[in-house]
Amino acid sequence: MSFRAAVLKLVKKIPRGRVATYGQLATLLGRPRSARAVGQALRRADGVPWHRVVNAQGGISRRSRMSGMMTQRLLLEQEGIVFRRGRVVLVRFRWQGRRLNLFRNDGILRG
């Protein structure tokens, strides 16, 4: 399984009304320094709840189009997620996912 496929599989597991950070997902996938790669994998995320992934401070990451940022906030608010000063209240809404065993010790993806 590729890293991108693993990211998409994990994002699908984030339940409605919860969020995860890019770095949190990277850590759960066994690649704690790959938060940017998680973001890249989500660029073309069809059919996954991409809007449930926020930055480390609980904010919506900047995009080239403002409409994507507004869409993300609206989708999160529709799920009951509360923002305080423009950021998701992570202590209340962060998803506590489990690490996926997708990697071997040598860092090669399984599958």
PDB file of N, CA and C in Angstrom:
ATOM      1  N   MET A   1       0.841  -1.174   0.000  1.00  0.00           N
ATOM      2  CA  MET A   1       0.000   0.000   0.000  1.00  0.00           C
ATOM      3  C   MET A   1       0.886   1.238   0.000  1.00  0.00           C
ATOM      4  N   SER A   2       0.563   2.192  -0.824  1.00  0.00           N
ATOM      5  CA  SER A   2       1.353   3.418  -0.889  1.00  0.00           C
ATOM      6  C   SER A   2       1.030   4.314   0.305  1.00  0.00           C
ATOM      7  N   PHE A   3       1.901   5.276   0.550  1.00  0.00           N
ATOM      8  CA  PHE A   3       1.676   6.215   1.651  1.00  0.00           C
ATOM      9  C   PHE A   3       0.375   6.973   1.417  1.00  0.00           C
ATOM     10  N   ARG A   4       0.133   7.409   0.195  1.00  0.00           N
ATOM     11  CA  ARG A   4      -1.088   8.151  -0.130  1.00  0.00           C
ATOM     12  C   ARG A   4      -2.329   7.313   0.169  1.00  0.00           C
ATOM     13  N   ALA A   5      -2.316   6.059  -0.245  1.00  0.00           N
ATOM     14  CA  ALA A   5      -3.449   5.169   0.014  1.00  0.00           C
ATOM     15  C   ALA A   5      -3.639   4.964   1.509  1.00  0.00           C
ATOM     16  N   ALA A   6      -2.542   4.854   2.248  1.00  0.00           N
ATOM     17  CA  ALA A   6      -2.628   4.678   3.698  1.00  0.00           C
ATOM     18  C   ALA A   6      -3.235   5.913   4.357  1.00  0.00           C
ATOM     19  N   VAL A   7      -2.855   7.103   3.878  1.00  0.00           N
ATOM     20  CA  VAL A   7      -3.413   8.350   4.408  1.00  0.00           C
ATOM     21  C   VAL A   7      -4.916   8.376   4.171  1.00  0.00           C
ATOM     22  N   LEU A   8      -5.337   8.083   2.958  1.00  0.00           N
ATOM     23  CA  LEU A   8      -6.756   8.127   2.630  1.00  0.00           C
ATOM     24  C   LEU A   8      -7.550   7.108   3.447  1.00  0.00           C
ATOM     25  N   LYS A   9      -6.981   5.931   3.640  1.00  0.00           N
ATOM     26  CA  LYS A   9      -7.638   4.898   4.440  1.00  0.00           C
ATOM     27  C   LYS A   9      -7.820   5.365   5.882  1.00  0.00           C
ATOM     28  N   LEU A  10      -6.808   6.010   6.426  1.00  0.00           N
ATOM     29  CA  LEU A  10      -6.862   6.492   7.802  1.00  0.00           C
ATOM     30  C   LEU A  10      -7.842   7.657   7.945  1.00  0.00           C
ATOM     31  N   VAL A  11      -7.847   8.570   6.995  1.00  0.00           N
ATOM     32  CA  VAL A  11      -8.756   9.715   7.056  1.00  0.00           C
ATOM     33  C   VAL A  11     -10.210   9.246   7.014  1.00  0.00           C
ATOM     34  N   LYS A  12     -10.479   8.184   6.286  1.00  0.00           N
ATOM     35  CA  LYS A  12     -11.844   7.642   6.242  1.00  0.00           C
ATOM     36  C   LYS A  12     -12.314   7.163   7.608  1.00  0.00           C
ATOM     37  N   LYS A  13     -11.381   6.863   8.503  1.00  0.00           N
ATOM     38  CA  LYS A  13     -11.727   6.362   9.829  1.00  0.00           C
ATOM     39  C   LYS A  13     -12.055   7.471  10.822  1.00  0.00           C
ATOM     40  N   ILE A  14     -11.759   8.716  10.488  1.00  0.00           N
ATOM     41  CA  ILE A  14     -12.055   9.819  11.406  1.00  0.00           C
ATOM     42  C   ILE A  14     -13.579   9.970  11.477  1.00  0.00           C
ATOM     43  N   PRO A  15     -14.150   9.809  12.665  1.00  0.00           N
ATOM     44  CA  PRO A  15     -15.611   9.874  12.762  1.00  0.00           C
ATOM     45  C   PRO A  15     -16.163  11.292  12.623  1.00  0.00           C
ATOM     46  N   ARG A  16     -17.413  11.352  12.259  1.00  0.00           N
ATOM     47  CA  ARG A  16     -18.135  12.621  12.166  1.00  0.00           C
ATOM     48  C   ARG A  16     -18.055  13.337  13.521  1.00  0.00           C
ATOM     49  N   GLY A  17     -17.784  14.639  13.482  1.00  0.00           N
ATOM     50  CA  GLY A  17     -17.699  15.416  14.710  1.00  0.00           C
ATOM     51  C   GLY A  17     -16.343  15.376  15.381  1.00  0.00           C
ATOM     52  N   ARG A  18     -15.348  14.804  14.704  1.00  0.00           N
ATOM     53  CA  ARG A  18     -13.977  14.740  15.222  1.00  0.00           C
ATOM     54  C   ARG A  18     -13.009  15.234  14.154  1.00  0.00           C
ATOM     55  N   VAL A  19     -11.830  15.655  14.591  1.00  0.00           N
ATOM     56  CA  VAL A  19     -10.784  16.085  13.666  1.00  0.00           C
ATOM     57  C   VAL A  19      -9.470  15.428  14.053  1.00  0.00           C
ATOM     58  N   ALA A  20      -8.539  15.442  13.123  1.00  0.00           N
ATOM     59  CA  ALA A  20      -7.171  14.990  13.371  1.00  0.00           C
ATOM     60  C   ALA A  20      -6.246  16.021  12.733  1.00  0.00           C
ATOM     61  N   THR A  21      -5.020  16.077  13.209  1.00  0.00           N
ATOM     62  CA  THR A  21      -4.047  16.991  12.607  1.00  0.00           C
ATOM     63  C   THR A  21      -3.197  16.230  11.590  1.00  0.00           C
ATOM     64  N   TYR A  22      -2.575  16.985  10.699  1.00  0.00           N
ATOM     65  CA  TYR A  22      -1.695  16.373   9.695  1.00  0.00           C
ATOM     66  C   TYR A  22      -0.588  15.582  10.382  1.00  0.00           C
ATOM     67  N   GLY A  23       0.022  16.165  11.399  1.00  0.00           N
ATOM     68  CA  GLY A  23       1.103  15.503  12.114  1.00  0.00           C
ATOM     69  C   GLY A  23       0.636  14.274  12.875  1.00  0.00           C
ATOM     70  N   GLN A  24      -0.551  14.347  13.437  1.00  0.00           N
ATOM     71  CA  GLN A  24      -1.120  13.200  14.143  1.00  0.00           C
ATOM     72  C   GLN A  24      -1.300  12.027  13.187  1.00  0.00           C
ATOM     73  N   LEU A  25      -1.827  12.293  11.997  1.00  0.00           N
ATOM     74  CA  LEU A  25      -2.012  11.233  11.012  1.00  0.00           C
ATOM     75  C   LEU A  25      -0.675  10.650  10.579  1.00  0.00           C
ATOM     76  N   ALA A  26       0.311  11.522  10.357  1.00  0.00           N
ATOM     77  CA  ALA A  26       1.635  11.045   9.968  1.00  0.00           C
ATOM     78  C   ALA A  26       2.218  10.128  11.048  1.00  0.00           C
ATOM     79  N   THR A  27       2.054  10.504  12.299  1.00  0.00           N
ATOM     80  CA  THR A  27       2.544   9.695  13.415  1.00  0.00           C
ATOM     81  C   THR A  27       1.823   8.354  13.474  1.00  0.00           C
ATOM     82  N   LEU A  28       0.502   8.378  13.293  1.00  0.00           N
ATOM     83  CA  LEU A  28      -0.268   7.133  13.310  1.00  0.00           C
ATOM     84  C   LEU A  28       0.144   6.196  12.180  1.00  0.00           C
ATOM     85  N   LEU A  29       0.675   6.769  11.105  1.00  0.00           N
ATOM     86  CA  LEU A  29       1.126   5.953   9.982  1.00  0.00           C
ATOM     87  C   LEU A  29       2.596   5.535  10.115  1.00  0.00           C
ATOM     88  N   GLY A  30       3.203   5.897  11.231  1.00  0.00           N
ATOM     89  CA  GLY A  30       4.584   5.511  11.466  1.00  0.00           C
ATOM     90  C   GLY A  30       5.602   6.416  10.818  1.00  0.00           C
ATOM     91  N   ARG A  31       5.179   7.575  10.375  1.00  0.00           N
ATOM     92  CA  ARG A  31       6.066   8.564   9.741  1.00  0.00           C
ATOM     93  C   ARG A  31       5.876   9.926  10.405  1.00  0.00           C
ATOM     94  N   PRO A  32       6.345  10.077  11.647  1.00  0.00           N
ATOM     95  CA  PRO A  32       6.047  11.286  12.421  1.00  0.00           C
ATOM     96  C   PRO A  32       6.527  12.599  11.820  1.00  0.00           C
ATOM     97  N   ARG A  33       7.436  12.567  10.894  1.00  0.00           N
ATOM     98  CA  ARG A  33       7.937  13.812  10.293  1.00  0.00           C
ATOM     99  C   ARG A  33       7.361  14.056   8.899  1.00  0.00           C
ATOM    100  N   SER A  34       6.244  13.450   8.603  1.00  0.00           N
ATOM    101  CA  SER A  34       5.670  13.530   7.255  1.00  0.00           C
ATOM    102  C   SER A  34       4.322  14.243   7.197  1.00  0.00           C
ATOM    103  N   ALA A  35       4.135  15.243   8.048  1.00  0.00           N
ATOM    104  CA  ALA A  35       2.867  15.976   8.058  1.00  0.00           C
ATOM    105  C   ALA A  35       2.582  16.628   6.700  1.00  0.00           C
ATOM    106  N   ARG A  36       3.600  17.171   6.063  1.00  0.00           N
ATOM    107  CA  ARG A  36       3.389  17.795   4.745  1.00  0.00           C
ATOM    108  C   ARG A  36       2.995  16.768   3.691  1.00  0.00           C
ATOM    109  N   ALA A  37       3.552  15.575   3.798  1.00  0.00           N
ATOM    110  CA  ALA A  37       3.196  14.511   2.855  1.00  0.00           C
ATOM    111  C   ALA A  37       1.735  14.110   3.027  1.00  0.00           C
ATOM    112  N   VAL A  38       1.235  14.166   4.258  1.00  0.00           N
ATOM    113  CA  VAL A  38      -0.186  13.893   4.502  1.00  0.00           C
ATOM    114  C   VAL A  38      -1.016  14.939   3.773  1.00  0.00           C
ATOM    115  N   GLY A  39      -0.617  16.200   3.883  1.00  0.00           N
ATOM    116  CA  GLY A  39      -1.322  17.271   3.180  1.00  0.00           C
ATOM    117  C   GLY A  39      -1.317  17.077   1.680  1.00  0.00           C
ATOM    118  N   GLN A  40      -0.189  16.655   1.136  1.00  0.00           N
ATOM    119  CA  GLN A  40      -0.101  16.399  -0.304  1.00  0.00           C
ATOM    120  C   GLN A  40      -1.016  15.253  -0.712  1.00  0.00           C
ATOM    121  N   ALA A  41      -1.091  14.228   0.110  1.00  0.00           N
ATOM    122  CA  ALA A  41      -1.948  13.087  -0.196  1.00  0.00           C
ATOM    123  C   ALA A  41      -3.417  13.486  -0.221  1.00  0.00           C
ATOM    124  N   LEU A  42      -3.767  14.483   0.571  1.00  0.00           N
ATOM    125  CA  LEU A  42      -5.157  14.921   0.646  1.00  0.00           C
ATOM    126  C   LEU A  42      -5.544  15.910  -0.451  1.00  0.00           C
ATOM    127  N   ARG A  43      -4.584  16.361  -1.229  1.00  0.00           N
ATOM    128  CA  ARG A  43      -4.885  17.332  -2.294  1.00  0.00           C
ATOM    129  C   ARG A  43      -5.927  16.807  -3.272  1.00  0.00           C
ATOM    130  N   ARG A  44      -5.864  15.542  -3.586  1.00  0.00           N
ATOM    131  CA  ARG A  44      -6.805  14.936  -4.532  1.00  0.00           C
ATOM    132  C   ARG A  44      -7.602  13.845  -3.822  1.00  0.00           C
ATOM    133  N   ALA A  45      -8.182  14.210  -2.695  1.00  0.00           N
ATOM    134  CA  ALA A  45      -8.877  13.236  -1.852  1.00  0.00           C
ATOM    135  C   ALA A  45     -10.354  13.175  -2.209  1.00  0.00           C
ATOM    136  N   ASP A  46     -10.687  12.349  -3.164  1.00  0.00           N
ATOM    137  CA  ASP A  46     -12.087  12.173  -3.541  1.00  0.00           C
ATOM    138  C   ASP A  46     -12.719  11.103  -2.672  1.00  0.00           C
ATOM    139  N   GLY A  47     -13.884  11.408  -2.131  1.00  0.00           N
ATOM    140  CA  GLY A  47     -14.620  10.413  -1.367  1.00  0.00           C
ATOM    141  C   GLY A  47     -14.140  10.193   0.055  1.00  0.00           C
ATOM    142  N   VAL A  48     -13.265  11.047   0.549  1.00  0.00           N
ATOM    143  CA  VAL A  48     -12.822  10.943   1.938  1.00  0.00           C
ATOM    144  C   VAL A  48     -13.148  12.256   2.651  1.00  0.00           C
ATOM    145  N   PRO A  49     -13.354  12.202   3.954  1.00  0.00           N
ATOM    146  CA  PRO A  49     -13.690  13.416   4.701  1.00  0.00           C
ATOM    147  C   PRO A  49     -12.462  14.296   4.973  1.00  0.00           C
ATOM    148  N   TRP A  50     -11.885  14.855   3.927  1.00  0.00           N
ATOM    149  CA  TRP A  50     -10.671  15.668   4.005  1.00  0.00           C
ATOM    150  C   TRP A  50     -10.832  16.847   4.959  1.00  0.00           C
ATOM    151  N   HIS A  51     -12.051  17.325   5.096  1.00  0.00           N
ATOM    152  CA  HIS A  51     -12.298  18.509   5.918  1.00  0.00           C
ATOM    153  C   HIS A  51     -12.047  18.261   7.401  1.00  0.00           C
ATOM    154  N   ARG A  52     -11.911  17.008   7.796  1.00  0.00           N
ATOM    155  CA  ARG A  52     -11.675  16.679   9.204  1.00  0.00           C
ATOM    156  C   ARG A  52     -10.199  16.719   9.586  1.00  0.00           C
ATOM    157  N   VAL A  53      -9.354  17.167   8.692  1.00  0.00           N
ATOM    158  CA  VAL A  53      -7.917  17.257   8.969  1.00  0.00           C
ATOM    159  C   VAL A  53      -7.537  18.737   9.056  1.00  0.00           C
ATOM    160  N   VAL A  54      -6.953  19.110  10.189  1.00  0.00           N
ATOM    161  CA  VAL A  54      -6.585  20.501  10.456  1.00  0.00           C
ATOM    162  C   VAL A  54      -5.104  20.574  10.824  1.00  0.00           C
ATOM    163  N   ASN A  55      -4.592  21.798  10.948  1.00  0.00           N
ATOM    164  CA  ASN A  55      -3.178  21.928  11.296  1.00  0.00           C
ATOM    165  C   ASN A  55      -2.955  21.725  12.795  1.00  0.00           C
ATOM    166  N   ALA A  56      -1.723  21.770  13.225  1.00  0.00           N
ATOM    167  CA  ALA A  56      -1.348  21.432  14.595  1.00  0.00           C
ATOM    168  C   ALA A  56      -2.000  22.332  15.642  1.00  0.00           C
ATOM    169  N   GLN A  57      -2.358  23.550  15.264  1.00  0.00           N
ATOM    170  CA  GLN A  57      -3.003  24.471  16.190  1.00  0.00           C
ATOM    171  C   GLN A  57      -4.530  24.377  16.132  1.00  0.00           C
ATOM    172  N   GLY A  58      -5.034  23.480  15.308  1.00  0.00           N
ATOM    173  CA  GLY A  58      -6.481  23.344  15.159  1.00  0.00           C
ATOM    174  C   GLY A  58      -7.060  24.270  14.108  1.00  0.00           C
ATOM    175  N   GLY A  59      -6.189  24.943  13.386  1.00  0.00           N
ATOM    176  CA  GLY A  59      -6.644  25.882  12.363  1.00  0.00           C
ATOM    177  C   GLY A  59      -6.800  25.226  11.003  1.00  0.00           C
ATOM    178  N   ILE A  60      -7.473  25.938  10.144  1.00  0.00           N
ATOM    179  CA  ILE A  60      -7.634  25.485   8.767  1.00  0.00           C
ATOM    180  C   ILE A  60      -6.435  26.010   7.991  1.00  0.00           C
ATOM    181  N   SER A  61      -5.712  25.105   7.355  1.00  0.00           N
ATOM    182  CA  SER A  61      -4.503  25.502   6.628  1.00  0.00           C
ATOM    183  C   SER A  61      -4.842  26.331   5.402  1.00  0.00           C
ATOM    184  N   ARG A  62      -3.977  27.256   5.101  1.00  0.00           N
ATOM    185  CA  ARG A  62      -4.179  28.140   3.948  1.00  0.00           C
ATOM    186  C   ARG A  62      -4.171  27.354   2.645  1.00  0.00           C
ATOM    187  N   ARG A  63      -4.973  27.829   1.728  1.00  0.00           N
ATOM    188  CA  ARG A  63      -5.046  27.237   0.397  1.00  0.00           C
ATOM    189  C   ARG A  63      -4.984  28.355  -0.626  1.00  0.00           C
ATOM    190  N   SER A  64      -4.738  27.968  -1.861  1.00  0.00           N
ATOM    191  CA  SER A  64      -4.681  28.978  -2.913  1.00  0.00           C
ATOM    192  C   SER A  64      -6.052  29.600  -3.161  1.00  0.00           C
ATOM    193  N   ARG A  65      -7.103  28.824  -2.882  1.00  0.00           N
ATOM    194  CA  ARG A  65      -8.457  29.354  -3.049  1.00  0.00           C
ATOM    195  C   ARG A  65      -9.129  29.480  -1.683  1.00  0.00           C
ATOM    196  N   MET A  66      -9.590  30.669  -1.386  1.00  0.00           N
ATOM    197  CA  MET A  66     -10.255  30.929  -0.116  1.00  0.00           C
ATOM    198  C   MET A  66     -11.532  30.096   0.026  1.00  0.00           C
ATOM    199  N   SER A  67     -12.176  29.766  -1.079  1.00  0.00           N
ATOM    200  CA  SER A  67     -13.435  29.027  -1.022  1.00  0.00           C
ATOM    201  C   SER A  67     -13.247  27.651  -0.373  1.00  0.00           C
ATOM    202  N   GLY A  68     -12.096  27.022  -0.575  1.00  0.00           N
ATOM    203  CA  GLY A  68     -11.822  25.730   0.052  1.00  0.00           C
ATOM    204  C   GLY A  68     -11.724  25.842   1.557  1.00  0.00           C
ATOM    205  N   MET A  69     -11.160  26.929   2.027  1.00  0.00           N
ATOM    206  CA  MET A  69     -11.035  27.150   3.463  1.00  0.00           C
ATOM    207  C   MET A  69     -12.405  27.395   4.090  1.00  0.00           C
ATOM    208  N   MET A  70     -13.221  28.164   3.414  1.00  0.00           N
ATOM    209  CA  MET A  70     -14.568  28.441   3.922  1.00  0.00           C
ATOM    210  C   MET A  70     -15.418  27.174   3.904  1.00  0.00           C
ATOM    211  N   THR A  71     -15.280  26.381   2.845  1.00  0.00           N
ATOM    212  CA  THR A  71     -16.011  25.115   2.745  1.00  0.00           C
ATOM    213  C   THR A  71     -15.640  24.206   3.900  1.00  0.00           C
ATOM    214  N   GLN A  72     -14.348  24.114   4.213  1.00  0.00           N
ATOM    215  CA  GLN A  72     -13.901  23.255   5.300  1.00  0.00           C
ATOM    216  C   GLN A  72     -14.517  23.687   6.625  1.00  0.00           C
ATOM    217  N   ARG A  73     -14.494  24.965   6.894  1.00  0.00           N
ATOM    218  CA  ARG A  73     -15.066  25.447   8.163  1.00  0.00           C
ATOM    219  C   ARG A  73     -16.565  25.158   8.228  1.00  0.00           C
ATOM    220  N   LEU A  74     -17.279  25.408   7.147  1.00  0.00           N
ATOM    221  CA  LEU A  74     -18.720  25.149   7.132  1.00  0.00           C
ATOM    222  C   LEU A  74     -19.028  23.671   7.357  1.00  0.00           C
ATOM    223  N   LEU A  75     -18.271  22.797   6.702  1.00  0.00           N
ATOM    224  CA  LEU A  75     -18.483  21.357   6.870  1.00  0.00           C
ATOM    225  C   LEU A  75     -18.226  20.923   8.312  1.00  0.00           C
ATOM    226  N   LEU A  76     -17.182  21.465   8.919  1.00  0.00           N
ATOM    227  CA  LEU A  76     -16.873  21.127  10.301  1.00  0.00           C
ATOM    228  C   LEU A  76     -17.960  21.640  11.248  1.00  0.00           C
ATOM    229  N   GLU A  77     -18.406  22.859  11.030  1.00  0.00           N
ATOM    230  CA  GLU A  77     -19.459  23.414  11.881  1.00  0.00           C
ATOM    231  C   GLU A  77     -20.761  22.628  11.740  1.00  0.00           C
ATOM    232  N   GLN A  78     -21.043  22.129  10.528  1.00  0.00           N
ATOM    233  CA  GLN A  78     -22.244  21.317  10.323  1.00  0.00           C
ATOM    234  C   GLN A  78     -22.178  20.007  11.105  1.00  0.00           C
ATOM    235  N   GLU A  79     -20.966  19.557  11.400  1.00  0.00           N
ATOM    236  CA  GLU A  79     -20.781  18.336  12.188  1.00  0.00           C
ATOM    237  C   GLU A  79     -20.753  18.617  13.684  1.00  0.00           C
ATOM    238  N   GLY A  80     -20.948  19.883  14.059  1.00  0.00           N
ATOM    239  CA  GLY A  80     -20.997  20.247  15.468  1.00  0.00           C
ATOM    240  C   GLY A  80     -19.662  20.623  16.073  1.00  0.00           C
ATOM    241  N   ILE A  81     -18.649  20.786  15.254  1.00  0.00           N
ATOM    242  CA  ILE A  81     -17.327  21.156  15.748  1.00  0.00           C
ATOM    243  C   ILE A  81     -17.296  22.657  16.022  1.00  0.00           C
ATOM    244  N   VAL A  82     -16.805  23.006  17.201  1.00  0.00           N
ATOM    245  CA  VAL A  82     -16.787  24.391  17.659  1.00  0.00           C
ATOM    246  C   VAL A  82     -15.415  25.012  17.409  1.00  0.00           C
ATOM    247  N   PHE A  83     -15.436  26.245  16.933  1.00  0.00           N
ATOM    248  CA  PHE A  83     -14.211  27.012  16.735  1.00  0.00           C
ATOM    249  C   PHE A  83     -14.111  28.078  17.820  1.00  0.00           C
ATOM    250  N   ARG A  84     -12.915  28.311  18.298  1.00  0.00           N
ATOM    251  CA  ARG A  84     -12.647  29.396  19.232  1.00  0.00           C
ATOM    252  C   ARG A  84     -11.464  30.177  18.668  1.00  0.00           C
ATOM    253  N   ARG A  85     -11.683  31.440  18.391  1.00  0.00           N
ATOM    254  CA  ARG A  85     -10.664  32.309  17.788  1.00  0.00           C
ATOM    255  C   ARG A  85     -10.127  31.734  16.480  1.00  0.00           C
ATOM    256  N   GLY A  86     -11.022  31.162  15.688  1.00  0.00           N
ATOM    257  CA  GLY A  86     -10.661  30.649  14.376  1.00  0.00           C
ATOM    258  C   GLY A  86     -10.016  29.276  14.361  1.00  0.00           C
ATOM    259  N   ARG A  87     -10.004  28.610  15.502  1.00  0.00           N
ATOM    260  CA  ARG A  87      -9.376  27.292  15.589  1.00  0.00           C
ATOM    261  C   ARG A  87     -10.321  26.286  16.236  1.00  0.00           C
ATOM    262  N   VAL A  88     -10.192  25.045  15.827  1.00  0.00           N
ATOM    263  CA  VAL A  88     -10.962  23.969  16.440  1.00  0.00           C
ATOM    264  C   VAL A  88     -10.450  23.770  17.863  1.00  0.00           C
ATOM    265  N   VAL A  89     -11.342  23.527  18.782  1.00  0.00           N
ATOM    266  CA  VAL A  89     -10.964  23.237  20.162  1.00  0.00           C
ATOM    267  C   VAL A  89     -10.495  21.776  20.200  1.00  0.00           C
ATOM    268  N   LEU A  90      -9.191  21.589  20.009  1.00  0.00           N
ATOM    269  CA  LEU A  90      -8.637  20.244  19.864  1.00  0.00           C
ATOM    270  C   LEU A  90      -8.831  19.370  21.097  1.00  0.00           C
ATOM    271  N   VAL A  91      -8.761  19.957  22.294  1.00  0.00           N
ATOM    272  CA  VAL A  91      -8.910  19.130  23.493  1.00  0.00           C
ATOM    273  C   VAL A  91     -10.300  18.498  23.552  1.00  0.00           C
ATOM    274  N   ARG A  92     -11.238  19.069  22.846  1.00  0.00           N
ATOM    275  CA  ARG A  92     -12.602  18.541  22.849  1.00  0.00           C
ATOM    276  C   ARG A  92     -12.927  17.691  21.621  1.00  0.00           C
ATOM    277  N   PHE A  93     -12.370  18.054  20.471  1.00  0.00           N
ATOM    278  CA  PHE A  93     -12.790  17.432  19.218  1.00  0.00           C
ATOM    279  C   PHE A  93     -11.735  16.569  18.526  1.00  0.00           C
ATOM    280  N   ARG A  94     -10.535  16.464  19.102  1.00  0.00           N
ATOM    281  CA  ARG A  94      -9.492  15.645  18.460  1.00  0.00           C
ATOM    282  C   ARG A  94      -9.855  14.167  18.529  1.00  0.00           C
ATOM    283  N   TRP A  95      -9.689  13.495  17.409  1.00  0.00           N
ATOM    284  CA  TRP A  95      -9.905  12.057  17.322  1.00  0.00           C
ATOM    285  C   TRP A  95      -8.679  11.344  17.865  1.00  0.00           C
ATOM    286  N   GLN A  96      -8.893  10.352  18.679  1.00  0.00           N
ATOM    287  CA  GLN A  96      -7.792   9.559  19.228  1.00  0.00           C
ATOM    288  C   GLN A  96      -7.713   8.248  18.455  1.00  0.00           C
ATOM    289  N   GLY A  97      -7.133   8.319  17.272  1.00  0.00           N
ATOM    290  CA  GLY A  97      -7.032   7.129  16.423  1.00  0.00           C
ATOM    291  C   GLY A  97      -5.948   6.183  16.877  1.00  0.00           C
ATOM    292  N   ARG A  98      -5.974   5.008  16.296  1.00  0.00           N
ATOM    293  CA  ARG A  98      -4.957   4.006  16.598  1.00  0.00           C
ATOM    294  C   ARG A  98      -3.974   3.914  15.450  1.00  0.00           C
ATOM    295  N   ARG A  99      -2.748   3.625  15.799  1.00  0.00           N
ATOM    296  CA  ARG A  99      -1.694   3.494  14.796  1.00  0.00           C
ATOM    297  C   ARG A  99      -1.976   2.301  13.890  1.00  0.00           C
ATOM    298  N   LEU A 100      -1.841   2.527  12.591  1.00  0.00           N
ATOM    299  CA  LEU A 100      -2.005   1.440  11.634  1.00  0.00           C
ATOM    300  C   LEU A 100      -0.670   0.746  11.444  1.00  0.00           C
ATOM    301  N   ASN A 101      -0.694  -0.545  11.359  1.00  0.00           N
ATOM    302  CA  ASN A 101       0.526  -1.320  11.178  1.00  0.00           C
ATOM    303  C   ASN A 101       0.769  -1.522   9.680  1.00  0.00           C
ATOM    304  N   LEU A 102       1.119  -0.437   8.989  1.00  0.00           N
ATOM    305  CA  LEU A 102       1.297  -0.489   7.545  1.00  0.00           C
ATOM    306  C   LEU A 102       2.758  -0.563   7.132  1.00  0.00           C
ATOM    307  N   PHE A 103       3.653  -0.342   8.074  1.00  0.00           N
ATOM    308  CA  PHE A 103       5.069  -0.280   7.753  1.00  0.00           C
ATOM    309  C   PHE A 103       5.839  -1.377   8.458  1.00  0.00           C
ATOM    310  N   ARG A 104       6.877  -1.842   7.804  1.00  0.00           N
ATOM    311  CA  ARG A 104       7.825  -2.746   8.455  1.00  0.00           C
ATOM    312  C   ARG A 104       8.866  -1.891   9.158  1.00  0.00           C
ATOM    313  N   ASN A 105       9.744  -2.514   9.892  1.00  0.00           N
ATOM    314  CA  ASN A 105      10.799  -1.779  10.602  1.00  0.00           C
ATOM    315  C   ASN A 105      11.732  -1.043   9.651  1.00  0.00           C
ATOM    316  N   ASP A 106      11.859  -1.518   8.413  1.00  0.00           N
ATOM    317  CA  ASP A 106      12.768  -0.874   7.480  1.00  0.00           C
ATOM    318  C   ASP A 106      12.114   0.307   6.754  1.00  0.00           C
ATOM    319  N   GLY A 107      10.871   0.628   7.113  1.00  0.00           N
ATOM    320  CA  GLY A 107      10.201   1.802   6.528  1.00  0.00           C
ATOM    321  C   GLY A 107       9.521   1.534   5.217  1.00  0.00           C
ATOM    322  N   ILE A 108       9.521   0.290   4.748  1.00  0.00           N
ATOM    323  CA  ILE A 108       8.876  -0.032   3.480  1.00  0.00           C
ATOM    324  C   ILE A 108       7.403  -0.347   3.745  1.00  0.00           C
ATOM    325  N   LEU A 109       6.546   0.205   2.912  1.00  0.00           N
ATOM    326  CA  LEU A 109       5.114  -0.036   3.074  1.00  0.00           C
ATOM    327  C   LEU A 109       4.776  -1.487   2.764  1.00  0.00           C
ATOM    328  N   ARG A 110       3.842  -2.016   3.516  1.00  0.00           N
ATOM    329  CA  ARG A 110       3.360  -3.359   3.261  1.00  0.00           C
ATOM    330  C   ARG A 110       2.289  -3.314   2.183  1.00  0.00           C
ATOM    331  N   GLY A 111       2.059  -4.437   1.584  1.00  0.00           N
ATOM    332  CA  GLY A 111       0.953  -4.530   0.655  1.00  0.00           C
ATOM    333  C   GLY A 111       1.424  -4.580  -0.724  1.00  0.00           C
TER     334      GLY A 111
END
